[in-house]
Amino acid sequence: MDQERKKAMILQNKLYGDGIHDDYPALQEWLDSGAHEISLPDTVCYRISKTLKIHSGQTLRMGATTRIKLLPDSNCSMIENADFNEWAEDICIDGGIWDMDHAEQEPNPYHFPGKSGKTSYQVMEEMGYSFSTATSFPDIYTGMAMRFCRIRRFTLKNINFHNPVVYAVQMGYIENFTVRDLYFDFTEGSPKKWNMDGVHVEGNCKNGSICNLKGACHDDTVAITADDSLYGPIENIVVRGIWGENSHSAVRLLSHGVPIKHIHISDIYGSFYTYCVGMTKYHEDKRDGLMENIVIENVAACTGTGTEDVGAGGFPLLWVQDGVQVNGLRISHVIRRESNFATPMFRVDGGATVRDLILEDWLQTSCLEQDIPQLVLEGNVEVIEKRNIRSTLSKKSDILC
């Protein structure tokens, strides 16, 4: 038996792993012991009542079928790094089914009040929390399954997320990170299918890869947001490999004044009921969104049908929103076979600016017995290259439709 497992056997608090008793005291004791690698013995289910806090230099490892589940009315995230205000290093979470059991927690706190009668926005306002000046996440219930802030060299991999209340993962101030091989098992809303992002990247993140994500999310599968909850520039991010059937969206870039630079998005497949990739501002202020050197390539996607809570067909597949400036945008190797909505393939809104736009190797096929707009360039757009952009009209009787 290795040394880490020996430590597990001499914990003062019992590690049950029976899916009934609270394993939080034993798991947190183990994390606080200073062990570098914590490999949980394979079992059916661990239950926790509080947020696990992981420290610098630690790896938490679970088997692929081992479940860790939040106990009813815990109303907290499942795991965070120990101190959001001090830099941590070399943290890894590997494996497991992380089940927030959202039907047994307070509902989506952004839209619905909890037992206090207040939403999270109201609680943050009373705390004096300011989105524009905050340097860490607030110490309140926000509905995220996992939250991480201020980590250098961070790895998150081989995880199945089951029904978080809102985001599966929220990250801010993370440098040199790898997020890969995640599955989003989002079958219900809490109570509605809103705000259920997969990986939500906040300000001051850089030098990272987010790869191999599967499952339908009910907000952005990957959100890269420079001034949403934490404000700060984001740069040097690779997003590669998203598979989603009737998922809300694949990737959102969001800026309303703080820059997002050097983002490479590739290998996106499936159907997305809001948009596939959106370069957005979202917030209604006077500052423009600022983006630079954005690459989107290898996309085979169409419009989804929506859910009972969110309709479909209101946005283009690829979109630059009014109020966004993009300096350097390349979109290549895109295939769309559309059977649901005649929304444009790519639209630049009237108040947007795109410089150095390169478009190449597109094929759009309409199975709606009507043409679908390929390019709608309403804003200030500088196209420097457009090559092999094709549209075809098929019939519903076509075997491929």
Foldseek 3Di string as FASTA:
>chain_A
DDPLVVVLVPFPDDFDLPVPDARAVSQLSSQVVPDQEHEDDAHQEHEHLEERAHAANHEYEYAARYAYEYDAASLAAHYEHHDQVDAGEDYEYYHHEYEDVLLRYQAQLQPAPGPVRHRVVVVCVVVVDDLEPDQGDDPHRRQENYEYHRYEEYEYESYEYEATRAEPYEYELYEQYEYEHYEYHHDQYSPHLPRHEYYEYEANYENYEHEAYEEAHSAEPYEHAQRDRHHHEYEHYEYYHYEYEQHAEHYEYEFQAHEYEHYEYEHYEYAHFEAHYEDYHPDPDDGAGHYEAYEYEHEEYEHHQHDPRDGGQPAARYEYDARYEYEHYEYEHYEYEYDDYLEENYEYDARYEYEAYEYEHYEYEYQPQDHHHHYHYNYHYHYPYHYNHYYYYDYVVPPVD
